[in-house]
Structure formats: structure tokens, C-alpha cells
C-alpha atoms as a PDB file:
ATOM      1  CA  UNK A   1      23.076-137.904-100.038  1.00  0.00           C
ATOM      2  CA  UNK A   2      22.576-136.903-103.665  1.00  0.00           C
ATOM      3  CA  UNK A   3      24.134-134.104-105.664  1.00  0.00           C
ATOM      4  CA  UNK A   4      22.540-132.620-108.769  1.00  0.00           C
ATOM      5  CA  UNK A   5      24.553-130.929-111.436  1.00  0.00           C
ATOM      6  CA  UNK A   6      24.572-130.150-115.152  1.00  0.00           C
ATOM      7  CA  UNK A   7      27.061-131.541-117.675  1.00  0.00           C
ATOM      8  CA  UNK A   8      28.751-128.462-119.185  1.00  0.00           C
ATOM      9  CA  UNK A   9      29.240-130.295-122.470  1.00  0.00           C
ATOM     10  CA  UNK A  10      25.728-131.648-123.023  1.00  0.00           C
ATOM     11  CA  UNK A  11      23.630-129.457-120.685  1.00  0.00           C
ATOM     12  CA  UNK A  12      22.199-132.691-119.266  1.00  0.00           C
ATOM     13  CA  UNK A  13      20.837-132.656-115.705  1.00  0.00           C
ATOM     14  CA  UNK A  14      22.466-135.493-113.692  1.00  0.00           C
ATOM     15  CA  UNK A  15      22.376-136.939-110.194  1.00  0.00           C
ATOM     16  CA  UNK A  16      25.120-138.578-108.145  1.00  0.00           C
ATOM     17  CA  UNK A  17      24.212-140.595-105.025  1.00  0.00           C
ATOM     18  CA  UNK A  18      27.119-140.996-102.615  1.00  0.00           C
ATOM     19  CA  UNK A  19      25.315-143.231-100.108  1.00  0.00           C
ATOM     20  CA  UNK A  20      24.742-146.119-102.498  1.00  0.00           C
ATOM     21  CA  UNK A  21      27.787-145.083-104.549  1.00  0.00           C
ATOM     22  CA  UNK A  22      25.764-145.122-107.722  1.00  0.00           C
ATOM     23  CA  UNK A  23      26.485-142.363-110.182  1.00  0.00           C
ATOM     24  CA  UNK A  24      25.041-141.242-113.484  1.00  0.00           C
ATOM     25  CA  UNK A  25      28.113-139.064-114.092  1.00  0.00           C
ATOM     26  CA  UNK A  26      30.568-141.783-115.053  1.00  0.00           C
ATOM     27  CA  UNK A  27      28.032-143.560-117.254  1.00  0.00           C
ATOM     28  CA  UNK A  28      27.083-140.328-118.952  1.00  0.00           C
ATOM     29  CA  UNK A  29      30.724-139.350-119.584  1.00  0.00           C
ATOM     30  CA  UNK A  30      31.257-142.673-121.392  1.00  0.00           C
ATOM     31  CA  UNK A  31      28.150-142.299-123.542  1.00  0.00           C
ATOM     32  CA  UNK A  32      28.380-141.866-127.305  1.00  0.00           C
ATOM     33  CA  UNK A  33      26.270-138.699-127.174  1.00  0.00           C
ATOM     34  CA  UNK A  34      28.576-137.069-124.608  1.00  0.00           C
ATOM     35  CA  UNK A  35      31.708-137.903-126.606  1.00  0.00           C
ATOM     36  CA  UNK A  36      30.166-136.562-129.816  1.00  0.00           C
ATOM     37  CA  UNK A  37      29.162-133.338-128.070  1.00  0.00           C
ATOM     38  CA  UNK A  38      32.665-133.034-126.613  1.00  0.00           C
ATOM     39  CA  UNK A  39      34.243-133.506-130.042  1.00  0.00           C
ATOM     40  CA  UNK A  40      31.919-130.899-131.538  1.00  0.00           C
ATOM     41  CA  UNK A  41      32.638-128.421-128.728  1.00  0.00           C
ATOM     42  CA  UNK A  42      36.406-128.832-129.173  1.00  0.00           C
ATOM     43  CA  UNK A  43      36.051-128.479-132.930  1.00  0.00           C
ATOM     44  CA  UNK A  44      33.948-125.303-132.557  1.00  0.00           C
ATOM     45  CA  UNK A  45      36.480-123.816-130.144  1.00  0.00           C
ATOM     46  CA  UNK A  46      39.391-124.585-132.479  1.00  0.00           C
ATOM     47  CA  UNK A  47      37.522-123.083-135.420  1.00  0.00           C
ATOM     48  CA  UNK A  48      36.789-119.962-133.365  1.00  0.00           C
ATOM     49  CA  UNK A  49      40.479-119.615-132.434  1.00  0.00           C
ATOM     50  CA  UNK A  50      41.530-120.002-136.101  1.00  0.00           C
ATOM     51  CA  UNK A  51      38.915-117.465-137.144  1.00  0.00           C
ATOM     52  CA  UNK A  52      40.082-114.972-134.508  1.00  0.00           C
ATOM     53  CA  UNK A  53      43.748-115.339-135.478  1.00  0.00           C
ATOM     54  CA  UNK A  54      42.860-114.732-139.142  1.00  0.00           C
ATOM     55  CA  UNK A  55      40.816-111.666-138.198  1.00  0.00           C
ATOM     56  CA  UNK A  56      43.670-110.225-136.150  1.00  0.00           C
ATOM     57  CA  UNK A  57      46.166-110.889-138.954  1.00  0.00           C
ATOM     58  CA  UNK A  58      43.883-109.401-141.635  1.00  0.00           C
ATOM     59  CA  UNK A  59      43.097-106.414-139.446  1.00  0.00           C
ATOM     60  CA  UNK A  60      46.755-105.570-139.031  1.00  0.00           C
ATOM     61  CA  UNK A  61      47.586-106.165-142.718  1.00  0.00           C
ATOM     62  CA  UNK A  62      44.659-104.110-144.018  1.00  0.00           C
ATOM     63  CA  UNK A  63      45.239-101.094-141.756  1.00  0.00           C
ATOM     64  CA  UNK A  64      47.945 -98.509-142.077  1.00  0.00           C
ATOM     65  CA  UNK A  65      49.291 -98.885-138.559  1.00  0.00           C
ATOM     66  CA  UNK A  66      52.113 -96.610-137.518  1.00  0.00           C
ATOM     67  CA  UNK A  67      52.396 -97.437-133.833  1.00  0.00           C
ATOM     68  CA  UNK A  68      52.065-100.189-131.275  1.00  0.00           C
ATOM     69  CA  UNK A  69      49.087 -98.322-129.829  1.00  0.00           C
ATOM     70  CA  UNK A  70      47.194 -98.583-133.127  1.00  0.00           C
ATOM     71  CA  UNK A  71      47.999-102.291-133.337  1.00  0.00           C
ATOM     72  CA  UNK A  72      46.709-102.725-129.792  1.00  0.00           C
ATOM     73  CA  UNK A  73      43.407-101.030-130.747  1.00  0.00           C
ATOM     74  CA  UNK A  74      42.908-103.478-133.630  1.00  0.00           C
ATOM     75  CA  UNK A  75      43.607-106.481-131.379  1.00  0.00           C
ATOM     76  CA  UNK A  76      41.354-105.140-128.609  1.00  0.00           C
ATOM     77  CA  UNK A  77      38.525-104.705-131.109  1.00  0.00           C
ATOM     78  CA  UNK A  78      38.912-108.309-132.297  1.00  0.00           C
ATOM     79  CA  UNK A  79      38.978-109.567-128.709  1.00  0.00           C
ATOM     80  CA  UNK A  80      35.697-107.737-128.040  1.00  0.00           C
ATOM     81  CA  UNK A  81      34.150-109.600-130.972  1.00  0.00           C
ATOM     82  CA  UNK A  82      35.522-112.933-129.719  1.00  0.00           C
ATOM     83  CA  UNK A  83      33.649-112.405-126.457  1.00  0.00           C
ATOM     84  CA  UNK A  84      30.423-111.748-128.351  1.00  0.00           C
ATOM     85  CA  UNK A  85      30.889-114.798-130.607  1.00  0.00           C
ATOM     86  CA  UNK A  86      31.222-117.026-127.562  1.00  0.00           C
ATOM     87  CA  UNK A  87      27.947-115.780-126.023  1.00  0.00           C
ATOM     88  CA  UNK A  88      29.943-115.144-122.871  1.00  0.00           C
ATOM     89  CA  UNK A  89      30.637-112.119-120.696  1.00  0.00           C
ATOM     90  CA  UNK A  90      33.728-111.544-118.592  1.00  0.00           C
ATOM     91  CA  UNK A  91      33.997-109.077-115.738  1.00  0.00           C
ATOM     92  CA  UNK A  92      36.038-108.577-112.594  1.00  0.00           C
ATOM     93  CA  UNK A  93      35.269-107.661-108.988  1.00  0.00           C
ATOM     94  CA  UNK A  94      37.248-106.429-106.037  1.00  0.00           C
ATOM     95  CA  UNK A  95      36.845-107.669-102.475  1.00  0.00           C
ATOM     96  CA  UNK A  96      34.310-105.643-100.540  1.00  0.00           C
ATOM     97  CA  UNK A  97      35.781-103.165 -98.025  1.00  0.00           C
ATOM     98  CA  UNK A  98      39.304-104.334 -98.892  1.00  0.00           C
ATOM     99  CA  UNK A  99      40.700-100.963-100.019  1.00  0.00           C
ATOM    100  CA  UNK A 100      42.642-103.045-102.548  1.00  0.00           C
ATOM    101  CA  UNK A 101      41.903-102.372-106.226  1.00  0.00           C
ATOM    102  CA  UNK A 102      44.577-104.740-107.510  1.00  0.00           C
ATOM    103  CA  UNK A 103      43.248-107.962-105.951  1.00  0.00           C
ATOM    104  CA  UNK A 104      40.687-108.817-108.647  1.00  0.00           C
ATOM    105  CA  UNK A 105      38.426-111.838-109.022  1.00  0.00           C
ATOM    106  CA  UNK A 106      37.601-112.744-112.629  1.00  0.00           C
ATOM    107  CA  UNK A 107      34.054-113.870-113.455  1.00  0.00           C
ATOM    108  CA  UNK A 108      32.682-115.701-116.494  1.00  0.00           C
ATOM    109  CA  UNK A 109      28.984-115.987-117.373  1.00  0.00           C
ATOM    110  CA  UNK A 110      28.286-118.390-120.249  1.00  0.00           C
ATOM    111  CA  UNK A 111      24.873-117.891-121.889  1.00  0.00           C
ATOM    112  CA  UNK A 112      25.042-120.693-124.455  1.00  0.00           C
ATOM    113  CA  UNK A 113      22.587-122.874-122.521  1.00  0.00           C
ATOM    114  CA  UNK A 114      20.353-120.095-121.218  1.00  0.00           C
ATOM    115  CA  UNK A 115      16.790-119.272-122.346  1.00  0.00           C
ATOM    116  CA  UNK A 116      16.373-117.293-125.546  1.00  0.00           C
ATOM    117  CA  UNK A 117      13.904-114.429-125.258  1.00  0.00           C
ATOM    118  CA  UNK A 118      12.026-115.409-128.416  1.00  0.00           C
ATOM    119  CA  UNK A 119      11.467-118.940-127.102  1.00  0.00           C
ATOM    120  CA  UNK A 120      10.099-117.691-123.801  1.00  0.00           C
ATOM    121  CA  UNK A 121       7.818-115.065-125.360  1.00  0.00           C
ATOM    122  CA  UNK A 122       6.157-117.794-127.396  1.00  0.00           C
ATOM    123  CA  UNK A 123       4.947-119.623-124.295  1.00  0.00           C
ATOM    124  CA  UNK A 124       4.468-117.006-121.573  1.00  0.00           C
ATOM    125  CA  UNK A 125       0.992-115.555-121.032  1.00  0.00           C
ATOM    126  CA  UNK A 126       2.496-112.272-119.847  1.00  0.00           C
ATOM    127  CA  UNK A 127       2.459-109.441-122.369  1.00  0.00           C
ATOM    128  CA  UNK A 128       6.101-108.358-122.352  1.00  0.00           C
ATOM    129  CA  UNK A 129       7.017-105.267-124.359  1.00  0.00           C
ATOM    130  CA  UNK A 130      10.443-103.801-125.051  1.00  0.00           C
ATOM    131  CA  UNK A 131      10.756-100.941-122.576  1.00  0.00           C
ATOM    132  CA  UNK A 132      14.344 -99.830-122.050  1.00  0.00           C
ATOM    133  CA  UNK A 133      18.066-100.442-122.062  1.00  0.00           C
ATOM    134  CA  UNK A 134      21.343 -99.836-120.240  1.00  0.00           C
ATOM    135  CA  UNK A 135      23.635 -97.128-121.569  1.00  0.00           C
ATOM    136  CA  UNK A 136      26.585 -95.075-120.350  1.00  0.00           C
ATOM    137  CA  UNK A 137      25.846 -91.874-118.466  1.00  0.00           C
ATOM    138  CA  UNK A 138      28.602 -89.703-119.834  1.00  0.00           C
ATOM    139  CA  UNK A 139      26.162 -86.787-119.937  1.00  0.00           C
ATOM    140  CA  UNK A 140      25.483 -87.102-116.219  1.00  0.00           C
ATOM    141  CA  UNK A 141      27.103 -84.362-114.137  1.00  0.00           C
ATOM    142  CA  UNK A 142      28.093 -87.018-111.606  1.00  0.00           C
ATOM    143  CA  UNK A 143      30.277 -88.777-114.192  1.00  0.00           C
ATOM    144  CA  UNK A 144      32.538 -86.054-115.552  1.00  0.00           C
ATOM    145  CA  UNK A 145      35.267 -87.039-117.996  1.00  0.00           C
ATOM    146  CA  UNK A 146      38.067 -85.987-115.648  1.00  0.00           C
ATOM    147  CA  UNK A 147      37.083 -88.653-113.100  1.00  0.00           C
ATOM    148  CA  UNK A 148      38.888 -91.979-112.909  1.00  0.00           C
ATOM    149  CA  UNK A 149      36.801 -94.995-113.962  1.00  0.00           C
ATOM    150  CA  UNK A 150      36.642 -96.298-110.391  1.00  0.00           C
ATOM    151  CA  UNK A 151      34.917 -93.052-109.353  1.00  0.00           C
ATOM    152  CA  UNK A 152      32.246 -93.241-112.058  1.00  0.00           C
ATOM    153  CA  UNK A 153      28.880 -94.989-111.890  1.00  0.00           C
ATOM    154  CA  UNK A 154      29.327 -95.493-115.609  1.00  0.00           C
ATOM    155  CA  UNK A 155      25.790 -96.442-116.645  1.00  0.00           C
ATOM    156  CA  UNK A 156      22.086 -95.691-116.362  1.00  0.00           C
ATOM    157  CA  UNK A 157      18.826 -97.440-117.241  1.00  0.00           C
ATOM    158  CA  UNK A 158      16.842 -95.576-119.886  1.00  0.00           C
ATOM    159  CA  UNK A 159      13.151 -96.335-120.386  1.00  0.00           C
ATOM    160  CA  UNK A 160      11.079 -95.571-123.479  1.00  0.00           C
ATOM    161  CA  UNK A 161       8.697 -92.620-123.108  1.00  0.00           C
ATOM    162  CA  UNK A 162       5.543 -94.752-123.016  1.00  0.00           C
ATOM    163  CA  UNK A 163       6.822 -96.602-119.935  1.00  0.00           C
ATOM    164  CA  UNK A 164       8.152 -93.678-117.881  1.00  0.00           C
ATOM    165  CA  UNK A 165       5.012 -93.473-115.754  1.00  0.00           C
ATOM    166  CA  UNK A 166       4.366 -97.214-115.456  1.00  0.00           C
ATOM    167  CA  UNK A 167       4.668 -98.514-111.911  1.00  0.00           C
ATOM    168  CA  UNK A 168       4.368-101.851-110.092  1.00  0.00           C
ATOM    169  CA  UNK A 169       5.750-103.752-113.072  1.00  0.00           C
ATOM    170  CA  UNK A 170       7.653-106.949-113.704  1.00  0.00           C
ATOM    171  CA  UNK A 171      10.495-107.232-116.187  1.00  0.00           C
ATOM    172  CA  UNK A 172      12.867-109.479-118.083  1.00  0.00           C
ATOM    173  CA  UNK A 173      16.480-108.357-118.313  1.00  0.00           C
ATOM    174  CA  UNK A 174      18.213-109.616-121.472  1.00  0.00           C
ATOM    175  CA  UNK A 175      21.639-109.669-123.070  1.00  0.00           C
ATOM    176  CA  UNK A 176      22.231-109.793-126.832  1.00  0.00           C
ATOM    177  CA  UNK A 177      24.858-111.786-128.709  1.00  0.00           C
ATOM    178  CA  UNK A 178      24.835-111.875-132.522  1.00  0.00           C
ATOM    179  CA  UNK A 179      21.275-110.463-132.605  1.00  0.00           C
ATOM    180  CA  UNK A 180      19.965-113.178-130.255  1.00  0.00           C
ATOM    181  CA  UNK A 181      18.621-112.104-126.857  1.00  0.00           C
ATOM    182  CA  UNK A 182      19.112-114.342-123.828  1.00  0.00           C
ATOM    183  CA  UNK A 183      17.267-113.822-120.555  1.00  0.00           C
ATOM    184  CA  UNK A 184      19.483-112.853-117.619  1.00  0.00           C
ATOM    185  CA  UNK A 185      16.769-112.659-114.975  1.00  0.00           C
ATOM    186  CA  UNK A 186      13.196-111.747-114.142  1.00  0.00           C
ATOM    187  CA  UNK A 187      12.368-109.083-111.586  1.00  0.00           C
ATOM    188  CA  UNK A 188       9.888-106.565-110.241  1.00  0.00           C
ATOM    189  CA  UNK A 189       9.844-102.820-109.593  1.00  0.00           C
ATOM    190  CA  UNK A 190       7.483-100.950-107.301  1.00  0.00           C
ATOM    191  CA  UNK A 191       8.187 -97.684-109.084  1.00  0.00           C
ATOM    192  CA  UNK A 192       9.037 -97.171-112.757  1.00  0.00           C
ATOM    193  CA  UNK A 193      11.795 -99.074-114.560  1.00  0.00           C
ATOM    194  CA  UNK A 194      14.546 -96.510-114.067  1.00  0.00           C
ATOM    195  CA  UNK A 195      13.914 -96.533-110.315  1.00  0.00           C
ATOM    196  CA  UNK A 196      15.280-100.122-110.320  1.00  0.00           C
ATOM    197  CA  UNK A 197      18.731 -98.677-110.842  1.00  0.00           C
ATOM    198  CA  UNK A 198      20.866-101.594-109.587  1.00  0.00           C
ATOM    199  CA  UNK A 199      23.171 -98.832-108.423  1.00  0.00           C
ATOM    200  CA  UNK A 200      25.913-100.023-106.173  1.00  0.00           C
ATOM    201  CA  UNK A 201      27.535 -96.670-106.682  1.00  0.00           C
ATOM    202  CA  UNK A 202      31.089 -96.706-107.953  1.00  0.00           C
ATOM    203  CA  UNK A 203      33.954 -99.141-107.730  1.00  0.00           C
ATOM    204  CA  UNK A 204      35.354 -96.919-104.981  1.00  0.00           C
ATOM    205  CA  UNK A 205      32.171 -97.152-102.917  1.00  0.00           C
ATOM    206  CA  UNK A 206      32.302-100.961-102.956  1.00  0.00           C
ATOM    207  CA  UNK A 207      36.033-101.328-102.327  1.00  0.00           C
ATOM    208  CA  UNK A 208      36.542 -98.503 -99.842  1.00  0.00           C
ATOM    209  CA  UNK A 209      34.858 -99.384 -96.549  1.00  0.00           C
ATOM    210  CA  UNK A 210      34.730 -95.761 -95.428  1.00  0.00           C
ATOM    211  CA  UNK A 211      32.181 -94.703 -98.039  1.00  0.00           C
ATOM    212  CA  UNK A 212      29.028 -96.851 -98.256  1.00  0.00           C
ATOM    213  CA  UNK A 213      27.626-100.360 -98.058  1.00  0.00           C
ATOM    214  CA  UNK A 214      26.138-101.405-101.436  1.00  0.00           C
ATOM    215  CA  UNK A 215      24.542-104.831-101.765  1.00  0.00           C
ATOM    216  CA  UNK A 216      26.453-107.681-103.508  1.00  0.00           C
ATOM    217  CA  UNK A 217      23.573-108.081-106.005  1.00  0.00           C
ATOM    218  CA  UNK A 218      23.685-104.443-107.067  1.00  0.00           C
ATOM    219  CA  UNK A 219      27.493-104.472-107.226  1.00  0.00           C
ATOM    220  CA  UNK A 220      27.626-107.563-109.465  1.00  0.00           C
ATOM    221  CA  UNK A 221      25.057-106.125-111.851  1.00  0.00           C
ATOM    222  CA  UNK A 222      26.793-102.753-111.830  1.00  0.00           C
ATOM    223  CA  UNK A 223      30.029-104.486-112.867  1.00  0.00           C
ATOM    224  CA  UNK A 224      28.192-106.430-115.594  1.00  0.00           C
ATOM    225  CA  UNK A 225      26.576-103.268-116.952  1.00  0.00           C
ATOM    226  CA  UNK A 226      29.864-101.361-116.973  1.00  0.00           C
ATOM    227  CA  UNK A 227      31.650-104.257-118.668  1.00  0.00           C
ATOM    228  CA  UNK A 228      28.951-104.724-121.322  1.00  0.00           C
ATOM    229  CA  UNK A 229      28.967-101.024-122.171  1.00  0.00           C
ATOM    230  CA  UNK A 230      32.717-101.202-122.828  1.00  0.00           C
ATOM    231  CA  UNK A 231      32.263-104.334-124.970  1.00  0.00           C
ATOM    232  CA  UNK A 232      29.202-102.870-126.751  1.00  0.00           C
ATOM    233  CA  UNK A 233      27.037-105.798-125.607  1.00  0.00           C
ATOM    234  CA  UNK A 234      23.376-104.660-125.325  1.00  0.00           C
ATOM    235  CA  UNK A 235      21.467-105.069-122.070  1.00  0.00           C
ATOM    236  CA  UNK A 236      17.700-104.576-122.513  1.00  0.00           C
ATOM    237  CA  UNK A 237      14.522-104.645-120.436  1.00  0.00           C
ATOM    238  CA  UNK A 238      11.107-106.034-121.351  1.00  0.00           C
ATOM    239  CA  UNK A 239       8.117-105.056-119.218  1.00  0.00           C
ATOM    240  CA  UNK A 240       4.794-106.656-118.344  1.00  0.00           C
ATOM    241  CA  UNK A 241       2.318-104.232-116.763  1.00  0.00           C
ATOM    242  CA  UNK A 242       0.344-105.531-113.814  1.00  0.00           C
ATOM    243  CA  UNK A 243      -3.292-104.534-113.399  1.00  0.00           C
ATOM    244  CA  UNK A 244      -3.666-101.570-111.049  1.00  0.00           C
ATOM    245  CA  UNK A 245      -6.635-101.193-108.733  1.00  0.00           C
ATOM    246  CA  UNK A 246      -7.536 -97.918-107.012  1.00  0.00           C
ATOM    247  CA  UNK A 247      -8.253 -98.293-103.313  1.00  0.00           C
ATOM    248  CA  UNK A 248      -9.738 -95.470-101.247  1.00  0.00           C
ATOM    249  CA  UNK A 249      -9.422 -95.501 -97.474  1.00  0.00           C
ATOM    250  CA  UNK A 250      -9.395 -93.182 -94.506  1.00  0.00           C
ATOM    251  CA  UNK A 251      -6.302 -92.099 -92.616  1.00  0.00           C
ATOM    252  CA  UNK A 252      -5.738 -91.707 -88.893  1.00  0.00           C
ATOM    253  CA  UNK A 253      -6.550 -87.986 -89.055  1.00  0.00           C
ATOM    254  CA  UNK A 254      -9.809 -88.635 -90.867  1.00  0.00           C
ATOM    255  CA  UNK A 255      -8.683 -87.601 -94.347  1.00  0.00           C
ATOM    256  CA  UNK A 256      -9.472 -89.856 -97.301  1.00  0.00           C
ATOM    257  CA  UNK A 257      -6.727 -91.048 -99.632  1.00  0.00           C
ATOM    258  CA  UNK A 258      -6.495 -93.176-102.780  1.00  0.00           C
ATOM    259  CA  UNK A 259      -3.654 -95.489-103.750  1.00  0.00           C
ATOM    260  CA  UNK A 260      -2.904 -97.919-106.581  1.00  0.00           C
ATOM    261  CA  UNK A 261      -2.314-101.544-105.684  1.00  0.00           C
ATOM    262  CA  UNK A 262      -1.558-104.622-107.784  1.00  0.00           C
ATOM    263  CA  UNK A 263      -0.407-108.216-107.496  1.00  0.00           C
ATOM    264  CA  UNK A 264       2.958-107.484-109.158  1.00  0.00           C
ATOM    265  CA  UNK A 265       4.908-109.260-106.408  1.00  0.00           C
ATOM    266  CA  UNK A 266       2.977-112.482-106.964  1.00  0.00           C
ATOM    267  CA  UNK A 267       3.362-112.082-110.733  1.00  0.00           C
ATOM    268  CA  UNK A 268       7.140-111.943-110.301  1.00  0.00           C
ATOM    269  CA  UNK A 269       7.112-115.157-108.257  1.00  0.00           C
ATOM    270  CA  UNK A 270       5.139-116.900-111.003  1.00  0.00           C
ATOM    271  CA  UNK A 271       7.532-115.536-113.644  1.00  0.00           C
ATOM    272  CA  UNK A 272      10.654-116.845-111.925  1.00  0.00           C
ATOM    273  CA  UNK A 273       8.975-120.176-111.262  1.00  0.00           C
ATOM    274  CA  UNK A 274       8.207-120.447-114.989  1.00  0.00           C
ATOM    275  CA  UNK A 275      11.788-119.559-115.964  1.00  0.00           C
ATOM    276  CA  UNK A 276      13.187-122.136-113.536  1.00  0.00           C
ATOM    277  CA  UNK A 277      10.815-124.819-114.807  1.00  0.00           C
ATOM    278  CA  UNK A 278      11.720-124.128-118.438  1.00  0.00           C
ATOM    279  CA  UNK A 279      15.486-124.168-117.846  1.00  0.00           C
ATOM    280  CA  UNK A 280      15.461-126.989-115.307  1.00  0.00           C
ATOM    281  CA  UNK A 281      17.365-124.891-112.773  1.00  0.00           C
ATOM    282  CA  UNK A 282      17.662-121.294-111.642  1.00  0.00           C
ATOM    283  CA  UNK A 283      18.286-118.885-114.481  1.00  0.00           C
ATOM    284  CA  UNK A 284      21.826-117.501-114.687  1.00  0.00           C
ATOM    285  CA  UNK A 285      21.053-114.164-113.023  1.00  0.00           C
ATOM    286  CA  UNK A 286      19.408-115.697-109.948  1.00  0.00           C
ATOM    287  CA  UNK A 287      21.404-116.826-106.912  1.00  0.00           C
ATOM    288  CA  UNK A 288      25.140-117.376-106.277  1.00  0.00           C
ATOM    289  CA  UNK A 289      25.977-114.179-108.178  1.00  0.00           C
ATOM    290  CA  UNK A 290      29.499-114.040-106.760  1.00  0.00           C
ATOM    291  CA  UNK A 291      30.477-117.418-108.218  1.00  0.00           C
ATOM    292  CA  UNK A 292      33.395-117.109-110.621  1.00  0.00           C
ATOM    293  CA  UNK A 293      31.682-119.240-113.286  1.00  0.00           C
ATOM    294  CA  UNK A 294      27.981-119.368-114.155  1.00  0.00           C
ATOM    295  CA  UNK A 295      26.213-121.053-117.060  1.00  0.00           C
END
């Protein structure tokens, strides 16, 4: 029986065979390349910590802070920037139908070894165009300011005007750190982009089993969207339009009707196959979404 895994330090794909007790893991961990990468990673982390401490210190010294609350705001702002510098997002989830909002599971998604959008656009034959983004929905009547956060949806997907009537499309969802976009996942939508809402409703609707039954996928992405909005981390969508063909047929009552059809579902399969081939494994936003650590 063999197990495949990726070295978190070197991003190297390895195999361990337990039947013949032969492993590439131990040999790899002793390699010069692995040790050099480990030293560099530790050095980068230490430099980031020193940088963050200096930023916090300078922020406090350079501001006229009269209260602990103002100091907290400065520190919180620096912490937000630390998250962005690390190309990592952090979010929490509750247990479904638990009615317990205090029992939280912390999740970490590390994008350092994920596919950059610019790299993928250079090799794909699909014509992806920037089409929309995730934003808060504070202007939505359903999310009034007097509601608690757990009772707010907290976000919406906004599409550019030229894509509002585009249907049967495939998309790339991206996240941006330091002006570099990384691909989270590829997907498809039968309707227009905003109809792929990812809505799992509110935190209450997931945690309280008397309200509704949202899917784990939609809940995880809802939590990611809400977290990224708070941290000011952009989530964007890029669209490839599938070719639409008009088909006319006759209904049971004898009336004629015309519909648009396309091969968008097959296009999505080819897209995700391409992403998996390029990365060497499933992209971060595909599969095992409830794992506490993904990279």
C-alpha cells in the first residue's frame, strides 16, 4: 500500500510504500535541497515576525493613542497585513446543527504553492475575462446594521454589467495577496455569475438545526468570503463563455419552443483536469473543504 503526499517545505510530491517498507520521505528529509529550503523558510518566518513587531511598535509610537481601544485597532490592522503577507487565510467554523456558537474549529488555507492566475492564463486556451467580485452586502435590506453578525449573510457576488446576461459559463475564482492572484477553484454556472451565490445563509442557519440545511461546500465558502471581506482580501471571478446553440423542438401539447444549450459542463471538467495536471494534485478549493489545513 502506497501513500502519496507533498512535502510542505519543498512542495515535492513523494510516495511512501508500507508493504516493502521503502520510503522516499526519510531520504528526502535528509537531502541538501530539503534542508536548505527548511532554513530559508525558517529565516523568512523570523524576518516576517521581526517586521511585524517593528510595524506594531512604529504604529503605536507614531499615533496619538489615548485608549486601549485605539491601541487594539492599530494592532488588529497590523495583524490583518500579516495574514496578507503570508499568502494565507484563516477562518473558523461551527459544528453543523450543534446550536453551539462557542465550539469553533479554526481553518488555515495556505496559497504559497497554489497556481498563480497569470501563469495559468498564459497556457489555457479558454478566454477568461475578469467578470466580478465578492463584496459585503451592507446595502441589502436582509442585512440591516442592527443585526448580529451571525444573522447576516454578509456578502454578495457582483458581476460587471457586460456579464449580467451571460449564462452557461465556467469560471475561475481567485484570491489576491500583494497584488498577485491565486486560483482557488474552477467551476460552472448554468445561470449568470451572481446566481452561483454560494449562499449557505447565515451562521445561524448552519449552526441552528431548526432553520435550514445548507451544504458544507456553500458554508465553507460563505465563511471564507465573510472572513476575506473583514480582512480586505479580494475574491474575484474570471469567466469563459461557452458557445451557445439554439435548439427548437416541439412540446407535448404541440407548441414549439427554443432553448439555448452548450457544452459548459464538459468545459468545466476539462478545466479542472487542467488545473489538477498543472498543480500535480487537486487545487486548494476542490475536495476535503472541511480539513483544518489546506495548501
